[in-house]
Amino acid sequence: MATIGYIILLSIMRNNFEMLLAAGLMAVGFGVMVSVSQSTALLLAPMEEQGLANATYYLGSDIGMSIGPIIGGILPTILPLKFFYPVMLVVVPLTAIIYLVNRRKLNAAVQYN
């Protein structure tokens, strides 16, 4: 919800207050996502492999943080700039769908470990 909020605020931003609010929502959304996904990665790994799981998590995070801006840089060359944030907003429901499809499997794996 915080991610949806900050993307909407960035797409309609007209002043510094809206940018400040968007930055706060971005921090909340990112902070929650990082904490939950890292702890889940550690819960899925056996105790003796948690160091490897943590390193793998950060590797995936770094790859995602590099590919995201690359796609964001390519996007305005394909579509008009006014579509930048609306297209980014479409990604949020797609990630929610991926999560919902895999939620039972993920919860079962966490319960198993």
PDB file of N, CA and C in Angstrom:
ATOM      1  N   MET A   1       0.831  -1.194   0.000  1.00  0.00           N
ATOM      2  CA  MET A   1       0.000   0.000   0.000  1.00  0.00           C
ATOM      3  C   MET A   1       0.874   1.256   0.000  1.00  0.00           C
ATOM      4  N   ALA A   2       1.973   1.214   0.764  1.00  0.00           N
ATOM      5  CA  ALA A   2       2.871   2.367   0.797  1.00  0.00           C
ATOM      6  C   ALA A   2       3.499   2.601  -0.573  1.00  0.00           C
ATOM      7  N   THR A   3       3.832   1.517  -1.263  1.00  0.00           N
ATOM      8  CA  THR A   3       4.429   1.646  -2.594  1.00  0.00           C
ATOM      9  C   THR A   3       3.440   2.266  -3.565  1.00  0.00           C
ATOM     10  N   ILE A   4       2.213   1.801  -3.542  1.00  0.00           N
ATOM     11  CA  ILE A   4       1.180   2.385  -4.400  1.00  0.00           C
ATOM     12  C   ILE A   4       1.027   3.871  -4.074  1.00  0.00           C
ATOM     13  N   GLY A   5       1.014   4.191  -2.796  1.00  0.00           N
ATOM     14  CA  GLY A   5       0.867   5.591  -2.379  1.00  0.00           C
ATOM     15  C   GLY A   5       1.984   6.477  -2.867  1.00  0.00           C
ATOM     16  N   TYR A   6       3.239   6.022  -2.738  1.00  0.00           N
ATOM     17  CA  TYR A   6       4.321   6.913  -3.156  1.00  0.00           C
ATOM     18  C   TYR A   6       4.408   7.028  -4.671  1.00  0.00           C
ATOM     19  N   ILE A   7       4.063   5.987  -5.398  1.00  0.00           N
ATOM     20  CA  ILE A   7       4.080   6.096  -6.858  1.00  0.00           C
ATOM     21  C   ILE A   7       2.998   7.071  -7.322  1.00  0.00           C
ATOM     22  N   ILE A   8       1.823   7.000  -6.719  1.00  0.00           N
ATOM     23  CA  ILE A   8       0.761   7.945  -7.072  1.00  0.00           C
ATOM     24  C   ILE A   8       1.184   9.370  -6.733  1.00  0.00           C
ATOM     25  N   LEU A   9       1.761   9.552  -5.538  1.00  0.00           N
ATOM     26  CA  LEU A   9       2.212  10.900  -5.161  1.00  0.00           C
ATOM     27  C   LEU A   9       3.279  11.423  -6.118  1.00  0.00           C
ATOM     28  N   LEU A  10       4.207  10.572  -6.531  1.00  0.00           N
ATOM     29  CA  LEU A  10       5.236  11.023  -7.466  1.00  0.00           C
ATOM     30  C   LEU A  10       4.650  11.363  -8.831  1.00  0.00           C
ATOM     31  N   SER A  11       3.594  10.664  -9.218  1.00  0.00           N
ATOM     32  CA  SER A  11       3.006  10.938 -10.539  1.00  0.00           C
ATOM     33  C   SER A  11       2.210  12.236 -10.569  1.00  0.00           C
ATOM     34  N   ILE A  12       1.707  12.679  -9.414  1.00  0.00           N
ATOM     35  CA  ILE A  12       0.923  13.923  -9.381  1.00  0.00           C
ATOM     36  C   ILE A  12       1.649  15.046  -8.640  1.00  0.00           C
ATOM     37  N   MET A  13       2.878  14.832  -8.274  1.00  0.00           N
ATOM     38  CA  MET A  13       3.628  15.752  -7.427  1.00  0.00           C
ATOM     39  C   MET A  13       3.681  17.164  -8.012  1.00  0.00           C
ATOM     40  N   ARG A  14       3.343  18.132  -7.170  1.00  0.00           N
ATOM     41  CA  ARG A  14       3.382  19.540  -7.570  1.00  0.00           C
ATOM     42  C   ARG A  14       4.179  20.398  -6.587  1.00  0.00           C
ATOM     43  N   ASN A  15       4.491  19.849  -5.404  1.00  0.00           N
ATOM     44  CA  ASN A  15       5.220  20.655  -4.421  1.00  0.00           C
ATOM     45  C   ASN A  15       6.111  19.763  -3.562  1.00  0.00           C
ATOM     46  N   ASN A  16       6.903  20.398  -2.721  1.00  0.00           N
ATOM     47  CA  ASN A  16       7.856  19.665  -1.874  1.00  0.00           C
ATOM     48  C   ASN A  16       7.165  18.823  -0.808  1.00  0.00           C
ATOM     49  N   PHE A  17       5.994  19.256  -0.323  1.00  0.00           N
ATOM     50  CA  PHE A  17       5.283  18.471   0.682  1.00  0.00           C
ATOM     51  C   PHE A  17       4.892  17.109   0.117  1.00  0.00           C
ATOM     52  N   GLU A  18       4.389  17.084  -1.107  1.00  0.00           N
ATOM     53  CA  GLU A  18       4.027  15.810  -1.730  1.00  0.00           C
ATOM     54  C   GLU A  18       5.257  14.941  -1.943  1.00  0.00           C
ATOM     55  N   MET A  19       6.394  15.564  -2.278  1.00  0.00           N
ATOM     56  CA  MET A  19       7.624  14.795  -2.443  1.00  0.00           C
ATOM     57  C   MET A  19       8.096  14.245  -1.094  1.00  0.00           C
ATOM     58  N   LEU A  20       7.975  15.029  -0.038  1.00  0.00           N
ATOM     59  CA  LEU A  20       8.352  14.568   1.301  1.00  0.00           C
ATOM     60  C   LEU A  20       7.470  13.409   1.754  1.00  0.00           C
ATOM     61  N   LEU A  21       6.184  13.510   1.508  1.00  0.00           N
ATOM     62  CA  LEU A  21       5.261  12.429   1.860  1.00  0.00           C
ATOM     63  C   LEU A  21       5.569  11.167   1.049  1.00  0.00           C
ATOM     64  N   ALA A  22       5.856  11.346  -0.244  1.00  0.00           N
ATOM     65  CA  ALA A  22       6.210  10.202  -1.091  1.00  0.00           C
ATOM     66  C   ALA A  22       7.488   9.538  -0.583  1.00  0.00           C
ATOM     67  N   ALA A  23       8.464  10.332  -0.168  1.00  0.00           N
ATOM     68  CA  ALA A  23       9.717   9.777   0.355  1.00  0.00           C
ATOM     69  C   ALA A  23       9.465   8.971   1.631  1.00  0.00           C
ATOM     70  N   GLY A  24       8.591   9.470   2.494  1.00  0.00           N
ATOM     71  CA  GLY A  24       8.253   8.729   3.705  1.00  0.00           C
ATOM     72  C   GLY A  24       7.577   7.409   3.400  1.00  0.00           C
ATOM     73  N   LEU A  25       6.633   7.428   2.460  1.00  0.00           N
ATOM     74  CA  LEU A  25       5.960   6.186   2.076  1.00  0.00           C
ATOM     75  C   LEU A  25       6.927   5.210   1.412  1.00  0.00           C
ATOM     76  N   MET A  26       7.869   5.739   0.631  1.00  0.00           N
ATOM     77  CA  MET A  26       8.866   4.872   0.000  1.00  0.00           C
ATOM     78  C   MET A  26       9.728   4.196   1.065  1.00  0.00           C
ATOM     79  N   ALA A  27      10.116   4.951   2.067  1.00  0.00           N
ATOM     80  CA  ALA A  27      10.934   4.381   3.139  1.00  0.00           C
ATOM     81  C   ALA A  27      10.176   3.303   3.905  1.00  0.00           C
ATOM     82  N   VAL A  28       8.905   3.551   4.191  1.00  0.00           N
ATOM     83  CA  VAL A  28       8.090   2.558   4.898  1.00  0.00           C
ATOM     84  C   VAL A  28       7.942   1.290   4.059  1.00  0.00           C
ATOM     85  N   GLY A  29       7.558   1.448   2.807  1.00  0.00           N
ATOM     86  CA  GLY A  29       7.360   0.287   1.936  1.00  0.00           C
ATOM     87  C   GLY A  29       8.626  -0.509   1.738  1.00  0.00           C
ATOM     88  N   PHE A  30       9.726   0.177   1.478  1.00  0.00           N
ATOM     89  CA  PHE A  30      10.995  -0.511   1.256  1.00  0.00           C
ATOM     90  C   PHE A  30      11.491  -1.158   2.547  1.00  0.00           C
ATOM     91  N   GLY A  31      11.373  -0.449   3.655  1.00  0.00           N
ATOM     92  CA  GLY A  31      11.844  -0.991   4.940  1.00  0.00           C
ATOM     93  C   GLY A  31      11.105  -2.250   5.340  1.00  0.00           C
ATOM     94  N   VAL A  32       9.804  -2.258   5.168  1.00  0.00           N
ATOM     95  CA  VAL A  32       9.008  -3.446   5.499  1.00  0.00           C
ATOM     96  C   VAL A  32       9.380  -4.598   4.571  1.00  0.00           C
ATOM     97  N   MET A  33       9.488  -4.308   3.268  1.00  0.00           N
ATOM     98  CA  MET A  33       9.797  -5.355   2.293  1.00  0.00           C
ATOM     99  C   MET A  33      11.160  -5.986   2.575  1.00  0.00           C
ATOM    100  N   VAL A  34      12.159  -5.174   2.850  1.00  0.00           N
ATOM    101  CA  VAL A  34      13.499  -5.701   3.095  1.00  0.00           C
ATOM    102  C   VAL A  34      13.513  -6.562   4.360  1.00  0.00           C
ATOM    103  N   SER A  35      12.915  -6.084   5.416  1.00  0.00           N
ATOM    104  CA  SER A  35      12.911  -6.839   6.674  1.00  0.00           C
ATOM    105  C   SER A  35      12.196  -8.178   6.542  1.00  0.00           C
ATOM    106  N   VAL A  36      11.024  -8.154   5.940  1.00  0.00           N
ATOM    107  CA  VAL A  36      10.232  -9.376   5.815  1.00  0.00           C
ATOM    108  C   VAL A  36      10.901 -10.373   4.870  1.00  0.00           C
ATOM    109  N   SER A  37      11.376  -9.892   3.726  1.00  0.00           N
ATOM    110  CA  SER A  37      11.971 -10.836   2.770  1.00  0.00           C
ATOM    111  C   SER A  37      13.290 -11.411   3.277  1.00  0.00           C
ATOM    112  N   GLN A  38      14.091 -10.624   3.983  1.00  0.00           N
ATOM    113  CA  GLN A  38      15.341 -11.176   4.518  1.00  0.00           C
ATOM    114  C   GLN A  38      15.058 -12.192   5.622  1.00  0.00           C
ATOM    115  N   SER A  39      14.127 -11.896   6.509  1.00  0.00           N
ATOM    116  CA  SER A  39      13.830 -12.856   7.571  1.00  0.00           C
ATOM    117  C   SER A  39      13.228 -14.130   7.001  1.00  0.00           C
ATOM    118  N   THR A  40      12.431 -14.014   5.938  1.00  0.00           N
ATOM    119  CA  THR A  40      11.863 -15.198   5.294  1.00  0.00           C
ATOM    120  C   THR A  40      12.965 -16.044   4.669  1.00  0.00           C
ATOM    121  N   ALA A  41      13.927 -15.403   4.029  1.00  0.00           N
ATOM    122  CA  ALA A  41      15.048 -16.144   3.441  1.00  0.00           C
ATOM    123  C   ALA A  41      15.806 -16.918   4.516  1.00  0.00           C
ATOM    124  N   LEU A  42      15.983 -16.310   5.675  1.00  0.00           N
ATOM    125  CA  LEU A  42      16.689 -17.002   6.761  1.00  0.00           C
ATOM    126  C   LEU A  42      15.846 -18.114   7.369  1.00  0.00           C
ATOM    127  N   LEU A  43      14.538 -17.924   7.436  1.00  0.00           N
ATOM    128  CA  LEU A  43      13.668 -18.981   7.959  1.00  0.00           C
ATOM    129  C   LEU A  43      13.645 -20.205   7.044  1.00  0.00           C
ATOM    130  N   LEU A  44      13.800 -19.987   5.749  1.00  0.00           N
ATOM    131  CA  LEU A  44      13.757 -21.095   4.798  1.00  0.00           C
ATOM    132  C   LEU A  44      15.047 -21.902   4.776  1.00  0.00           C
ATOM    133  N   ALA A  45      16.129 -21.317   5.234  1.00  0.00           N
ATOM    134  CA  ALA A  45      17.424 -21.999   5.182  1.00  0.00           C
ATOM    135  C   ALA A  45      17.672 -22.773   6.478  1.00  0.00           C
ATOM    136  N   PRO A  46      18.285 -23.958   6.358  1.00  0.00           N
ATOM    137  CA  PRO A  46      18.699 -24.661   7.570  1.00  0.00           C
ATOM    138  C   PRO A  46      19.705 -23.809   8.350  1.00  0.00           C
ATOM    139  N   MET A  47      19.793 -24.017   9.635  1.00  0.00           N
ATOM    140  CA  MET A  47      20.630 -23.192  10.499  1.00  0.00           C
ATOM    141  C   MET A  47      22.073 -23.101   9.991  1.00  0.00           C
ATOM    142  N   GLU A  48      22.620 -24.211   9.514  1.00  0.00           N
ATOM    143  CA  GLU A  48      24.029 -24.205   9.079  1.00  0.00           C
ATOM    144  C   GLU A  48      24.232 -23.507   7.735  1.00  0.00           C
ATOM    145  N   GLU A  49      23.150 -23.174   7.036  1.00  0.00           N
ATOM    146  CA  GLU A  49      23.268 -22.515   5.730  1.00  0.00           C
ATOM    147  C   GLU A  49      22.684 -21.102   5.744  1.00  0.00           C
ATOM    148  N   GLN A  50      22.434 -20.552   6.919  1.00  0.00           N
ATOM    149  CA  GLN A  50      21.818 -19.227   6.978  1.00  0.00           C
ATOM    150  C   GLN A  50      22.759 -18.124   6.495  1.00  0.00           C
ATOM    151  N   GLY A  51      24.054 -18.302   6.661  1.00  0.00           N
ATOM    152  CA  GLY A  51      25.008 -17.324   6.126  1.00  0.00           C
ATOM    153  C   GLY A  51      24.932 -17.272   4.610  1.00  0.00           C
ATOM    154  N   LEU A  52      24.867 -18.436   3.974  1.00  0.00           N
ATOM    155  CA  LEU A  52      24.731 -18.504   2.519  1.00  0.00           C
ATOM    156  C   LEU A  52      23.387 -17.922   2.080  1.00  0.00           C
ATOM    157  N   ALA A  53      22.330 -18.202   2.830  1.00  0.00           N
ATOM    158  CA  ALA A  53      21.009 -17.659   2.496  1.00  0.00           C
ATOM    159  C   ALA A  53      21.021 -16.133   2.583  1.00  0.00           C
ATOM    160  N   ASN A  54      21.680 -15.598   3.589  1.00  0.00           N
ATOM    161  CA  ASN A  54      21.766 -14.146   3.745  1.00  0.00           C
ATOM    162  C   ASN A  54      22.546 -13.521   2.591  1.00  0.00           C
ATOM    163  N   ALA A  55      23.671 -14.138   2.230  1.00  0.00           N
ATOM    164  CA  ALA A  55      24.467 -13.635   1.110  1.00  0.00           C
ATOM    165  C   ALA A  55      23.691 -13.713  -0.200  1.00  0.00           C
ATOM    166  N   THR A  56      22.974 -14.804  -0.399  1.00  0.00           N
ATOM    167  CA  THR A  56      22.177 -14.964  -1.611  1.00  0.00           C
ATOM    168  C   THR A  56      21.061 -13.932  -1.657  1.00  0.00           C
ATOM    169  N   TYR A  57      20.443 -13.665  -0.507  1.00  0.00           N
ATOM    170  CA  TYR A  57      19.403 -12.645  -0.440  1.00  0.00           C
ATOM    171  C   TYR A  57      19.964 -11.297  -0.886  1.00  0.00           C
ATOM    172  N   TYR A  58      21.112 -10.918  -0.345  1.00  0.00           N
ATOM    173  CA  TYR A  58      21.692  -9.617  -0.702  1.00  0.00           C
ATOM    174  C   TYR A  58      22.144  -9.575  -2.156  1.00  0.00           C
ATOM    175  N   LEU A  59      22.611 -10.683  -2.696  1.00  0.00           N
ATOM    176  CA  LEU A  59      22.979 -10.736  -4.108  1.00  0.00           C
ATOM    177  C   LEU A  59      21.744 -10.476  -4.975  1.00  0.00           C
ATOM    178  N   GLY A  60      20.644 -11.153  -4.661  1.00  0.00           N
ATOM    179  CA  GLY A  60      19.403 -10.942  -5.403  1.00  0.00           C
ATOM    180  C   GLY A  60      18.895  -9.520  -5.253  1.00  0.00           C
ATOM    181  N   SER A  61      19.011  -8.967  -4.057  1.00  0.00           N
ATOM    182  CA  SER A  61      18.596  -7.587  -3.817  1.00  0.00           C
ATOM    183  C   SER A  61      19.430  -6.616  -4.652  1.00  0.00           C
ATOM    184  N   ASP A  62      20.734  -6.830  -4.687  1.00  0.00           N
ATOM    185  CA  ASP A  62      21.614  -5.963  -5.481  1.00  0.00           C
ATOM    186  C   ASP A  62      21.306  -6.061  -6.971  1.00  0.00           C
ATOM    187  N   ILE A  63      21.055  -7.269  -7.451  1.00  0.00           N
ATOM    188  CA  ILE A  63      20.709  -7.441  -8.865  1.00  0.00           C
ATOM    189  C   ILE A  63      19.394  -6.716  -9.164  1.00  0.00           C
ATOM    190  N   GLY A  64      18.408  -6.878  -8.291  1.00  0.00           N
ATOM    191  CA  GLY A  64      17.130  -6.199  -8.488  1.00  0.00           C
ATOM    192  C   GLY A  64      17.268  -4.688  -8.459  1.00  0.00           C
ATOM    193  N   MET A  65      18.116  -4.177  -7.566  1.00  0.00           N
ATOM    194  CA  MET A  65      18.295  -2.730  -7.485  1.00  0.00           C
ATOM    195  C   MET A  65      19.100  -2.172  -8.655  1.00  0.00           C
ATOM    196  N   SER A  66      19.792  -3.021  -9.370  1.00  0.00           N
ATOM    197  CA  SER A  66      20.489  -2.532 -10.566  1.00  0.00           C
ATOM    198  C   SER A  66      19.608  -2.677 -11.807  1.00  0.00           C
ATOM    199  N   ILE A  67      18.852  -3.743 -11.898  1.00  0.00           N
ATOM    200  CA  ILE A  67      17.989  -3.943 -13.071  1.00  0.00           C
ATOM    201  C   ILE A  67      16.821  -2.958 -13.067  1.00  0.00           C
ATOM    202  N   GLY A  68      16.283  -2.648 -11.898  1.00  0.00           N
ATOM    203  CA  GLY A  68      15.160  -1.708 -11.813  1.00  0.00           C
ATOM    204  C   GLY A  68      15.473  -0.358 -12.442  1.00  0.00           C
ATOM    205  N   PRO A  69      16.562   0.308 -12.046  1.00  0.00           N
ATOM    206  CA  PRO A  69      16.898   1.588 -12.678  1.00  0.00           C
ATOM    207  C   PRO A  69      17.234   1.469 -14.168  1.00  0.00           C
ATOM    208  N   ILE A  70      17.796   0.329 -14.575  1.00  0.00           N
ATOM    209  CA  ILE A  70      18.067   0.137 -16.002  1.00  0.00           C
ATOM    210  C   ILE A  70      16.749   0.127 -16.774  1.00  0.00           C
ATOM    211  N   ILE A  71      15.776  -0.634 -16.268  1.00  0.00           N
ATOM    212  CA  ILE A  71      14.452  -0.671 -16.921  1.00  0.00           C
ATOM    213  C   ILE A  71      13.808   0.709 -16.862  1.00  0.00           C
ATOM    214  N   GLY A  72      13.947   1.391 -15.714  1.00  0.00           N
ATOM    215  CA  GLY A  72      13.415   2.743 -15.587  1.00  0.00           C
ATOM    216  C   GLY A  72      14.056   3.719 -16.555  1.00  0.00           C
ATOM    217  N   GLY A  73      15.312   3.497 -16.904  1.00  0.00           N
ATOM    218  CA  GLY A  73      15.987   4.350 -17.879  1.00  0.00           C
ATOM    219  C   GLY A  73      15.586   4.032 -19.302  1.00  0.00           C
ATOM    220  N   ILE A  74      15.273   2.777 -19.565  1.00  0.00           N
ATOM    221  CA  ILE A  74      14.866   2.376 -20.916  1.00  0.00           C
ATOM    222  C   ILE A  74      13.418   2.775 -21.186  1.00  0.00           C
ATOM    223  N   LEU A  75      12.592   2.719 -20.166  1.00  0.00           N
ATOM    224  CA  LEU A  75      11.156   2.976 -20.320  1.00  0.00           C
ATOM    225  C   LEU A  75      10.834   4.291 -21.034  1.00  0.00           C
ATOM    226  N   PRO A  76      11.457   5.430 -20.661  1.00  0.00           N
ATOM    227  CA  PRO A  76      11.136   6.683 -21.363  1.00  0.00           C
ATOM    228  C   PRO A  76      11.586   6.712 -22.828  1.00  0.00           C
ATOM    229  N   THR A  77      12.471   5.806 -23.217  1.00  0.00           N
ATOM    230  CA  THR A  77      12.849   5.756 -24.633  1.00  0.00           C
ATOM    231  C   THR A  77      11.811   5.006 -25.456  1.00  0.00           C
ATOM    232  N   ILE A  78      10.974   4.206 -24.779  1.00  0.00           N
ATOM    233  CA  ILE A  78       9.945   3.422 -25.462  1.00  0.00           C
ATOM    234  C   ILE A  78       8.591   4.140 -25.442  1.00  0.00           C
ATOM    235  N   LEU A  79       8.268   4.741 -24.303  1.00  0.00           N
ATOM    236  CA  LEU A  79       6.973   5.409 -24.116  1.00  0.00           C
ATOM    237  C   LEU A  79       7.193   6.881 -23.765  1.00  0.00           C
ATOM    238  N   PRO A  80       6.183   7.720 -23.974  1.00  0.00           N
ATOM    239  CA  PRO A  80       6.297   9.115 -23.531  1.00  0.00           C
ATOM    240  C   PRO A  80       6.507   9.187 -22.014  1.00  0.00           C
ATOM    241  N   LEU A  81       7.218  10.197 -21.569  1.00  0.00           N
ATOM    242  CA  LEU A  81       7.578  10.339 -20.160  1.00  0.00           C
ATOM    243  C   LEU A  81       6.362  10.388 -19.232  1.00  0.00           C
ATOM    244  N   LYS A  82       5.232  10.896 -19.718  1.00  0.00           N
ATOM    245  CA  LYS A  82       4.042  10.984 -18.865  1.00  0.00           C
ATOM    246  C   LYS A  82       3.519   9.609 -18.446  1.00  0.00           C
ATOM    247  N   PHE A  83       3.947   8.545 -19.124  1.00  0.00           N
ATOM    248  CA  PHE A  83       3.518   7.191 -18.776  1.00  0.00           C
ATOM    249  C   PHE A  83       4.468   6.492 -17.802  1.00  0.00           C
ATOM    250  N   PHE A  84       5.548   7.163 -17.399  1.00  0.00           N
ATOM    251  CA  PHE A  84       6.557   6.529 -16.551  1.00  0.00           C
ATOM    252  C   PHE A  84       5.956   5.985 -15.255  1.00  0.00           C
ATOM    253  N   TYR A  85       5.334   6.833 -14.451  1.00  0.00           N
ATOM    254  CA  TYR A  85       4.786   6.374 -13.177  1.00  0.00           C
ATOM    255  C   TYR A  85       3.568   5.468 -13.329  1.00  0.00           C
ATOM    256  N   PRO A  86       2.660   5.733 -14.262  1.00  0.00           N
ATOM    257  CA  PRO A  86       1.561   4.772 -14.438  1.00  0.00           C
ATOM    258  C   PRO A  86       2.041   3.367 -14.798  1.00  0.00           C
ATOM    259  N   VAL A  87       3.060   3.257 -15.638  1.00  0.00           N
ATOM    260  CA  VAL A  87       3.597   1.931 -15.975  1.00  0.00           C
ATOM    261  C   VAL A  87       4.227   1.300 -14.736  1.00  0.00           C
ATOM    262  N   MET A  88       4.952   2.094 -13.950  1.00  0.00           N
ATOM    263  CA  MET A  88       5.558   1.568 -12.725  1.00  0.00           C
ATOM    264  C   MET A  88       4.475   1.107 -11.749  1.00  0.00           C
ATOM    265  N   LEU A  89       3.335   1.797 -11.758  1.00  0.00           N
ATOM    266  CA  LEU A  89       2.234   1.440 -10.868  1.00  0.00           C
ATOM    267  C   LEU A  89       1.625   0.087 -11.244  1.00  0.00           C
ATOM    268  N   VAL A  90       1.716  -0.306 -12.496  1.00  0.00           N
ATOM    269  CA  VAL A  90       1.211  -1.610 -12.947  1.00  0.00           C
ATOM    270  C   VAL A  90       2.041  -2.747 -12.345  1.00  0.00           C
ATOM    271  N   VAL A  91       3.298  -2.487 -12.055  1.00  0.00           N
ATOM    272  CA  VAL A  91       4.183  -3.525 -11.513  1.00  0.00           C
ATOM    273  C   VAL A  91       3.729  -3.970 -10.119  1.00  0.00           C
ATOM    274  N   VAL A  92       3.171  -3.062  -9.344  1.00  0.00           N
ATOM    275  CA  VAL A  92       2.775  -3.385  -7.966  1.00  0.00           C
ATOM    276  C   VAL A  92       1.736  -4.514  -7.926  1.00  0.00           C
ATOM    277  N   PRO A  93       0.622  -4.434  -8.674  1.00  0.00           N
ATOM    278  CA  PRO A  93      -0.328  -5.559  -8.656  1.00  0.00           C
ATOM    279  C   PRO A  93       0.286  -6.848  -9.212  1.00  0.00           C
ATOM    280  N   LEU A  94       1.188  -6.734 -10.172  1.00  0.00           N
ATOM    281  CA  LEU A  94       1.832  -7.942 -10.705  1.00  0.00           C
ATOM    282  C   LEU A  94       2.639  -8.654  -9.617  1.00  0.00           C
ATOM    283  N   THR A  95       3.363  -7.891  -8.812  1.00  0.00           N
ATOM    284  CA  THR A  95       4.122  -8.521  -7.728  1.00  0.00           C
ATOM    285  C   THR A  95       3.184  -9.108  -6.677  1.00  0.00           C
ATOM    286  N   ALA A  96       2.057  -8.438  -6.435  1.00  0.00           N
ATOM    287  CA  ALA A  96       1.076  -8.973  -5.488  1.00  0.00           C
ATOM    288  C   ALA A  96       0.494 -10.290  -6.001  1.00  0.00           C
ATOM    289  N   ILE A  97       0.250 -10.381  -7.292  1.00  0.00           N
ATOM    290  CA  ILE A  97      -0.270 -11.626  -7.874  1.00  0.00           C
ATOM    291  C   ILE A  97       0.756 -12.746  -7.731  1.00  0.00           C
ATOM    292  N   ILE A  98       2.011 -12.453  -8.013  1.00  0.00           N
ATOM    293  CA  ILE A  98       3.076 -13.463  -7.864  1.00  0.00           C
ATOM    294  C   ILE A  98       3.130 -13.945  -6.423  1.00  0.00           C
ATOM    295  N   TYR A  99       3.041 -13.012  -5.473  1.00  0.00           N
ATOM    296  CA  TYR A  99       3.057 -13.392  -4.058  1.00  0.00           C
ATOM    297  C   TYR A  99       1.854 -14.266  -3.712  1.00  0.00           C
ATOM    298  N   LEU A 100       0.660 -13.859  -4.128  1.00  0.00           N
ATOM    299  CA  LEU A 100      -0.549 -14.613  -3.785  1.00  0.00           C
ATOM    300  C   LEU A 100      -0.536 -16.017  -4.384  1.00  0.00           C
ATOM    301  N   VAL A 101       0.004 -16.151  -5.596  1.00  0.00           N
ATOM    302  CA  VAL A 101       0.090 -17.469  -6.229  1.00  0.00           C
ATOM    303  C   VAL A 101       1.031 -18.383  -5.446  1.00  0.00           C
ATOM    304  N   ASN A 102       2.101 -17.831  -4.900  1.00  0.00           N
ATOM    305  CA  ASN A 102       3.111 -18.638  -4.208  1.00  0.00           C
ATOM    306  C   ASN A 102       3.011 -18.599  -2.695  1.00  0.00           C
ATOM    307  N   ARG A 103       2.015 -17.909  -2.155  1.00  0.00           N
ATOM    308  CA  ARG A 103       1.917 -17.722  -0.707  1.00  0.00           C
ATOM    309  C   ARG A 103       1.799 -19.031   0.061  1.00  0.00           C
ATOM    310  N   ARG A 104       0.945 -19.936  -0.372  1.00  0.00           N
ATOM    311  CA  ARG A 104       0.765 -21.202   0.359  1.00  0.00           C
ATOM    312  C   ARG A 104       2.053 -22.011   0.375  1.00  0.00           C
ATOM    313  N   LYS A 105       2.715 -22.058  -0.772  1.00  0.00           N
ATOM    314  CA  LYS A 105       3.964 -22.804  -0.861  1.00  0.00           C
ATOM    315  C   LYS A 105       5.034 -22.180   0.051  1.00  0.00           C
ATOM    316  N   LEU A 106       5.100 -20.864   0.074  1.00  0.00           N
ATOM    317  CA  LEU A 106       6.064 -20.167   0.911  1.00  0.00           C
ATOM    318  C   LEU A 106       5.748 -20.383   2.388  1.00  0.00           C
ATOM    319  N   ASN A 107       4.479 -20.240   2.767  1.00  0.00           N
ATOM    320  CA  ASN A 107       4.093 -20.448   4.168  1.00  0.00           C
ATOM    321  C   ASN A 107       4.354 -21.880   4.611  1.00  0.00           C
ATOM    322  N   ALA A 108       4.098 -22.840   3.728  1.00  0.00           N
ATOM    323  CA  ALA A 108       4.374 -24.242   4.061  1.00  0.00           C
ATOM    324  C   ALA A 108       5.855 -24.474   4.252  1.00  0.00           C
ATOM    325  N   ALA A 109       6.683 -23.842   3.430  1.00  0.00           N
ATOM    326  CA  ALA A 109       8.133 -24.011   3.557  1.00  0.00           C
ATOM    327  C   ALA A 109       8.644 -23.390   4.857  1.00  0.00           C
ATOM    328  N   VAL A 110       8.099 -22.233   5.224  1.00  0.00           N
ATOM    329  CA  VAL A 110       8.515 -21.593   6.470  1.00  0.00           C
ATOM    330  C   VAL A 110       8.072 -22.446   7.662  1.00  0.00           C
ATOM    331  N   GLN A 111       6.851 -22.992   7.645  1.00  0.00           N
ATOM    332  CA  GLN A 111       6.368 -23.835   8.728  1.00  0.00           C
ATOM    333  C   GLN A 111       7.194 -25.108   8.848  1.00  0.00           C
ATOM    334  N   TYR A 112       7.631 -25.645   7.710  1.00  0.00           N
ATOM    335  CA  TYR A 112       8.418 -26.881   7.706  1.00  0.00           C
ATOM    336  C   TYR A 112       9.761 -26.685   8.390  1.00  0.00           C
ATOM    337  N   ASN A 113      10.384 -25.534   8.140  1.00  0.00           N
ATOM    338  CA  ASN A 113      11.707 -25.264   8.726  1.00  0.00           C
ATOM    339  C   ASN A 113      11.513 -24.715  10.108  1.00  0.00           C
TER     340      ASN A 113
END
